[in-house]
Amino acid sequence: MPLPPEQITHAASELAARRTSGKTGPRLPESCRPQELEDAWQVQQAVTRTLGQAVGGWKASLPSAGKLVVGPIYQPAISRAALCSVPFPTDSSPDSLKIETELAFLLAGDLPAREQPYTEAEIDVAVGSVHAALEICASRYTDPTGFAFAEMLADGLVNNGLWLGPELAAPEAAAFELIWQAGEQPRQTVQGKHPNGHPRAPLYWLANFLRERGLGLKAGQAVITGSYAGVLTVPAGEVVTFEYAGLARFEVAFRRS
């Protein structure tokens, strides 16, 4: 049974308060706990309205059975600074943070809501540039182990921010060698691979998902579409060097604000 509007509002108020305060909390009360994907989406959108922050981007992946991977990234949580300040939950580890290595499609044109579906060519025209990016991950739940996917979706799928890096030196690729090194620690190397095969596939899906929902995408927004290497743990306060072989090389350090 769908959650009634007052329970969607209740869930959203709690999750928004945790974002604002920086304090995580337990599982939502059963009375307002989303079980269906549509309920989770409605809670997520209500969180956005409650926060009153501009949506500076989106995370997305192709949907699959029982999963809808989509979430807003709020403008205050997007950074390009070499020393990136991150508003992490106060009860998370002070010495490290979790990130995902991604590509970000920065839009130069609007893709507003309309009746007619967008073609891939139209969406490509709206893309102004493609950048190396890092999704900054944290949950508003103290321990989400074993939670239903809908509960995670309601909270934005652990999105806590986005670091936008340099524009790619070559067209985006479905796979590349990923190298990273924190300070003087040993270099780590993996063969990065996009989870949906083509990094633009989730962007094409997202543009039409939002179109159908009366939202759309706007110029200036950044869209990330999936991690090439899962979740990485990096030290806080230490310079980390990343190389997306043949595409980009950059350095960034994270500190808690």
Protein backbone atom coordinates (compact mmCIF):
# COMPACT_ATOMS: atom_id res chain seq x y z
CA MET A 1 0.00 0.00 0.00
CA PRO A 2 1.44 3.43 -0.95
CA LEU A 3 2.53 5.74 1.83
CA PRO A 4 0.00 8.50 2.49
CA PRO A 5 1.20 12.07 1.82
CA GLU A 6 1.57 12.90 5.50
CA GLN A 7 3.91 9.95 6.03
CA ILE A 8 5.99 10.91 2.98
CA THR A 9 6.31 14.38 4.51
CA HIS A 10 7.27 12.86 7.87
CA ALA A 11 10.00 10.69 6.34
CA ALA A 12 11.34 13.58 4.27
CA SER A 13 11.44 15.93 7.26
CA GLU A 14 13.51 13.42 9.23
CA LEU A 15 16.00 12.76 6.42
CA ALA A 16 16.32 16.47 5.61
CA ALA A 17 16.96 17.25 9.29
CA ARG A 18 19.79 14.71 9.32
CA ARG A 19 21.38 16.34 6.28
CA THR A 20 21.12 19.76 7.91
CA SER A 21 22.37 18.72 11.34
CA GLY A 22 25.08 16.34 10.12
CA LYS A 23 23.82 13.68 12.52
CA THR A 24 22.84 10.23 11.34
CA GLY A 25 19.94 8.30 12.81
CA PRO A 26 18.21 4.94 12.98
CA ARG A 27 15.88 3.33 10.50
CA LEU A 28 12.80 5.42 9.79
CA PRO A 29 9.69 4.49 11.79
CA GLU A 30 7.73 1.72 10.14
CA SER A 31 4.75 4.04 9.66
CA CYS A 32 6.72 6.25 7.23
CA ARG A 33 9.30 3.76 5.98
CA PRO A 34 9.15 3.44 2.17
CA GLN A 35 8.81 -0.10 0.86
CA GLU A 36 8.01 0.67 -2.78
CA LEU A 37 10.26 2.48 -5.25
CA GLU A 38 7.59 5.07 -6.03
CA ASP A 39 7.22 5.91 -2.34
CA ALA A 40 10.99 6.25 -2.06
CA TRP A 41 11.08 8.58 -5.06
CA GLN A 42 8.34 10.72 -3.53
CA VAL A 43 10.23 10.91 -0.22
CA GLN A 44 13.39 11.87 -2.08
CA GLN A 45 11.61 14.69 -3.89
CA ALA A 46 10.03 15.87 -0.64
CA VAL A 47 13.51 16.01 0.92
CA THR A 48 14.56 18.36 -1.89
CA ARG A 49 11.56 20.62 -1.26
CA THR A 50 12.21 20.61 2.48
CA LEU A 51 15.90 21.49 2.16
CA GLY A 52 15.17 24.30 -0.30
CA GLN A 53 18.56 23.80 -1.96
CA ALA A 54 19.14 24.02 -5.70
CA VAL A 55 19.72 20.73 -7.47
CA GLY A 56 23.16 21.06 -9.03
CA GLY A 57 23.26 17.59 -10.52
CA TRP A 58 22.01 14.03 -10.53
CA LYS A 59 23.32 10.53 -10.04
CA ALA A 60 21.80 7.81 -12.19
CA SER A 61 22.22 4.27 -13.40
CA LEU A 62 20.08 2.11 -15.64
CA PRO A 63 17.12 0.66 -13.73
CA SER A 64 16.95 -3.06 -13.03
CA ALA A 65 14.58 -5.43 -11.29
CA GLY A 66 13.64 -3.91 -7.93
CA LYS A 67 16.03 -0.98 -8.33
CA LEU A 68 15.64 2.63 -9.41
CA VAL A 69 19.02 4.36 -9.27
CA VAL A 70 18.46 8.10 -9.33
CA GLY A 71 19.10 10.91 -6.90
CA PRO A 72 19.63 14.67 -6.76
CA ILE A 73 22.97 16.21 -5.88
CA TYR A 74 22.55 19.53 -4.12
CA GLN A 75 24.50 22.54 -5.32
CA PRO A 76 26.16 23.33 -1.94
CA ALA A 77 27.63 19.80 -1.96
CA ILE A 78 29.39 20.21 -5.34
CA SER A 79 33.01 21.36 -5.35
CA ARG A 80 35.87 21.91 -7.76
CA ALA A 81 38.41 22.94 -5.10
CA ALA A 82 41.73 21.10 -4.80
CA LEU A 83 41.09 21.10 -1.05
CA CYS A 84 37.49 20.00 -0.90
CA SER A 85 35.51 20.65 2.29
CA VAL A 86 32.96 17.92 2.90
CA PRO A 87 30.05 18.19 5.39
CA PHE A 88 30.23 14.58 6.62
CA PRO A 89 28.05 13.09 9.36
CA THR A 90 29.61 13.90 12.71
CA ASP A 91 29.59 10.27 13.85
CA SER A 92 31.42 8.88 10.80
CA SER A 93 35.15 8.09 10.76
CA PRO A 94 37.21 11.30 11.04
CA ASP A 95 40.20 9.77 9.28
CA SER A 96 38.76 8.51 6.00
CA LEU A 97 35.90 8.86 3.56
CA LYS A 98 34.34 6.81 0.82
CA ILE A 99 34.33 7.93 -2.79
CA GLU A 100 33.42 6.53 -6.19
CA THR A 101 35.40 7.26 -9.37
CA GLU A 102 33.00 8.47 -12.04
CA LEU A 103 32.55 10.66 -15.10
CA ALA A 104 30.35 13.75 -14.97
CA PHE A 105 28.42 15.08 -17.94
CA LEU A 106 28.14 18.84 -17.56
CA LEU A 107 25.13 20.22 -19.38
CA ALA A 108 25.35 23.33 -21.53
CA GLY A 109 21.68 23.25 -22.56
CA ASP A 110 18.32 22.57 -20.96
CA LEU A 111 16.35 19.36 -21.44
CA PRO A 112 12.98 20.45 -20.04
CA ALA A 113 9.88 18.38 -19.45
CA ARG A 114 7.88 17.72 -22.62
CA GLU A 115 5.60 15.07 -24.06
CA GLN A 116 7.93 13.83 -26.80
CA PRO A 117 10.83 11.60 -25.71
CA TYR A 118 14.35 12.94 -26.16
CA THR A 119 16.56 11.20 -28.69
CA GLU A 120 20.14 10.34 -27.84
CA ALA A 121 21.28 12.91 -30.40
CA GLU A 122 19.30 15.68 -28.68
CA ILE A 123 20.80 14.76 -25.32
CA ASP A 124 24.30 14.67 -26.77
CA VAL A 125 23.83 18.22 -28.07
CA ALA A 126 22.94 19.39 -24.55
CA VAL A 127 26.21 18.01 -23.10
CA GLY A 128 28.77 20.78 -22.92
CA SER A 129 31.74 18.84 -21.52
CA VAL A 130 32.68 15.60 -19.78
CA HIS A 131 34.79 15.61 -16.62
CA ALA A 132 36.55 13.24 -14.29
CA ALA A 133 34.56 13.24 -11.06
CA LEU A 134 34.36 11.70 -7.61
CA GLU A 135 31.10 10.96 -5.88
CA ILE A 136 31.42 11.53 -2.13
CA CYS A 137 29.46 8.89 -0.24
CA ALA A 138 27.77 8.89 3.17
CA SER A 139 24.42 7.75 4.51
CA ARG A 140 21.96 9.56 6.76
CA TYR A 141 21.38 6.21 8.49
CA THR A 142 23.79 5.24 11.27
CA ASP A 143 23.97 1.66 10.02
CA PRO A 144 21.99 0.86 6.87
CA THR A 145 23.11 -2.77 6.73
CA GLY A 146 20.25 -4.93 5.54
CA PHE A 147 17.94 -2.05 4.70
CA ALA A 148 15.53 -2.44 1.78
CA PHE A 149 16.63 -0.72 -1.43
CA ALA A 150 13.66 1.66 -1.22
CA GLU A 151 14.93 3.00 2.11
CA MET A 152 18.31 3.75 0.55
CA LEU A 153 16.67 5.37 -2.48
CA ALA A 154 14.67 7.68 -0.23
CA ASP A 155 17.97 8.95 1.21
CA GLY A 156 19.56 9.56 -2.20
CA LEU A 157 21.56 6.32 -2.37
CA VAL A 158 24.37 7.50 -0.05
CA ASN A 159 25.15 10.55 -2.14
CA ASN A 160 26.81 13.17 0.04
CA GLY A 161 28.40 15.35 -2.60
CA LEU A 162 30.32 15.57 -5.84
CA TRP A 163 33.83 16.69 -6.71
CA LEU A 164 34.13 17.90 -10.30
CA GLY A 165 37.56 17.39 -11.80
CA PRO A 166 39.23 18.30 -15.10
CA GLU A 167 37.61 17.97 -18.49
CA LEU A 168 38.60 14.76 -20.24
CA ALA A 169 41.46 14.87 -22.71
CA ALA A 170 39.74 12.27 -24.93
CA PRO A 171 36.17 11.00 -25.45
CA GLU A 172 34.74 9.06 -22.52
CA ALA A 173 35.41 5.33 -22.48
CA ALA A 174 33.55 2.29 -21.17
CA ALA A 175 36.79 1.04 -19.56
CA PHE A 176 40.20 2.42 -18.64
CA GLU A 177 43.05 1.74 -16.27
CA LEU A 178 42.44 3.54 -13.00
CA ILE A 179 45.44 4.42 -10.80
CA TRP A 180 45.32 6.21 -7.46
CA GLN A 181 47.76 6.94 -4.67
CA ALA A 182 47.24 8.55 -1.28
CA GLY A 183 50.32 10.42 -0.08
CA GLU A 184 53.29 8.07 0.15
CA GLN A 185 51.16 4.93 0.28
CA PRO A 186 51.60 2.31 -2.48
CA ARG A 187 49.92 3.03 -5.80
CA GLN A 188 46.71 1.12 -6.48
CA THR A 189 45.74 0.02 -9.99
CA VAL A 190 42.54 -1.57 -11.27
CA GLN A 191 40.91 -1.98 -14.64
CA GLY A 192 38.01 0.43 -14.37
CA LYS A 193 34.81 -0.59 -16.10
CA HIS A 194 31.51 1.24 -16.39
CA PRO A 195 28.69 -0.80 -14.77
CA ASN A 196 26.24 -0.11 -17.61
CA GLY A 197 28.67 -0.67 -20.47
CA HIS A 198 28.36 2.84 -21.92
CA PRO A 199 28.74 5.86 -19.60
CA ARG A 200 26.07 7.85 -21.47
CA ALA A 201 23.40 5.15 -21.23
CA PRO A 202 22.17 6.27 -17.77
CA LEU A 203 22.20 9.91 -18.92
CA TYR A 204 19.90 9.04 -21.82
CA TRP A 205 17.60 7.19 -19.44
CA LEU A 206 17.64 9.98 -16.82
CA ALA A 207 16.72 12.72 -19.29
CA ASN A 208 13.55 10.89 -20.24
CA PHE A 209 12.76 9.70 -16.71
CA LEU A 210 12.81 13.30 -15.48
CA ARG A 211 10.95 14.48 -18.59
CA GLU A 212 8.12 12.08 -17.83
CA ARG A 213 8.00 13.34 -14.25
CA GLY A 214 7.69 16.99 -15.21
CA LEU A 215 11.20 17.92 -14.02
CA GLY A 216 13.80 17.86 -16.77
CA LEU A 217 17.50 18.68 -16.71
CA LYS A 218 18.99 22.18 -16.68
CA ALA A 219 22.10 23.79 -18.12
CA GLY A 220 24.86 23.82 -15.53
CA GLN A 221 23.81 20.58 -13.90
CA ALA A 222 26.24 17.67 -13.74
CA VAL A 223 25.15 14.06 -14.20
CA ILE A 224 27.21 11.14 -12.91
CA THR A 225 26.34 7.69 -14.19
CA GLY A 226 28.15 5.00 -12.21
CA SER A 227 31.44 4.08 -10.56
CA TYR A 228 34.25 2.51 -12.57
CA ALA A 229 35.73 0.79 -9.50
CA GLY A 230 33.05 0.44 -6.85
CA VAL A 231 33.58 2.25 -3.56
CA LEU A 232 37.10 3.35 -2.55
CA THR A 233 38.20 4.43 0.93
CA VAL A 234 40.67 7.33 0.96
CA PRO A 235 42.28 9.20 3.87
CA ALA A 236 40.94 12.56 4.93
CA GLY A 237 43.32 15.51 4.87
CA GLU A 238 45.84 13.86 2.56
CA VAL A 239 46.46 14.54 -1.13
CA VAL A 240 45.22 11.70 -3.32
CA THR A 241 46.38 11.45 -6.93
CA PHE A 242 44.08 9.86 -9.50
CA GLU A 243 44.79 8.89 -13.08
CA TYR A 244 42.09 7.88 -15.50
CA ALA A 245 44.57 6.51 -18.02
CA GLY A 246 44.39 8.43 -21.28
CA LEU A 247 41.56 10.63 -20.01
CA ALA A 248 42.58 12.71 -16.99
CA ARG A 249 45.00 13.08 -14.10
CA PHE A 250 44.26 15.11 -10.98
CA GLU A 251 44.97 15.61 -7.29
CA VAL A 252 42.50 16.36 -4.51
CA ALA A 253 42.43 16.36 -0.73
CA PHE A 254 39.29 16.16 1.39
CA ARG A 255 38.69 17.76 4.77
CA ARG A 256 35.62 17.78 6.93
CA SER A 257 33.80 21.08 7.24
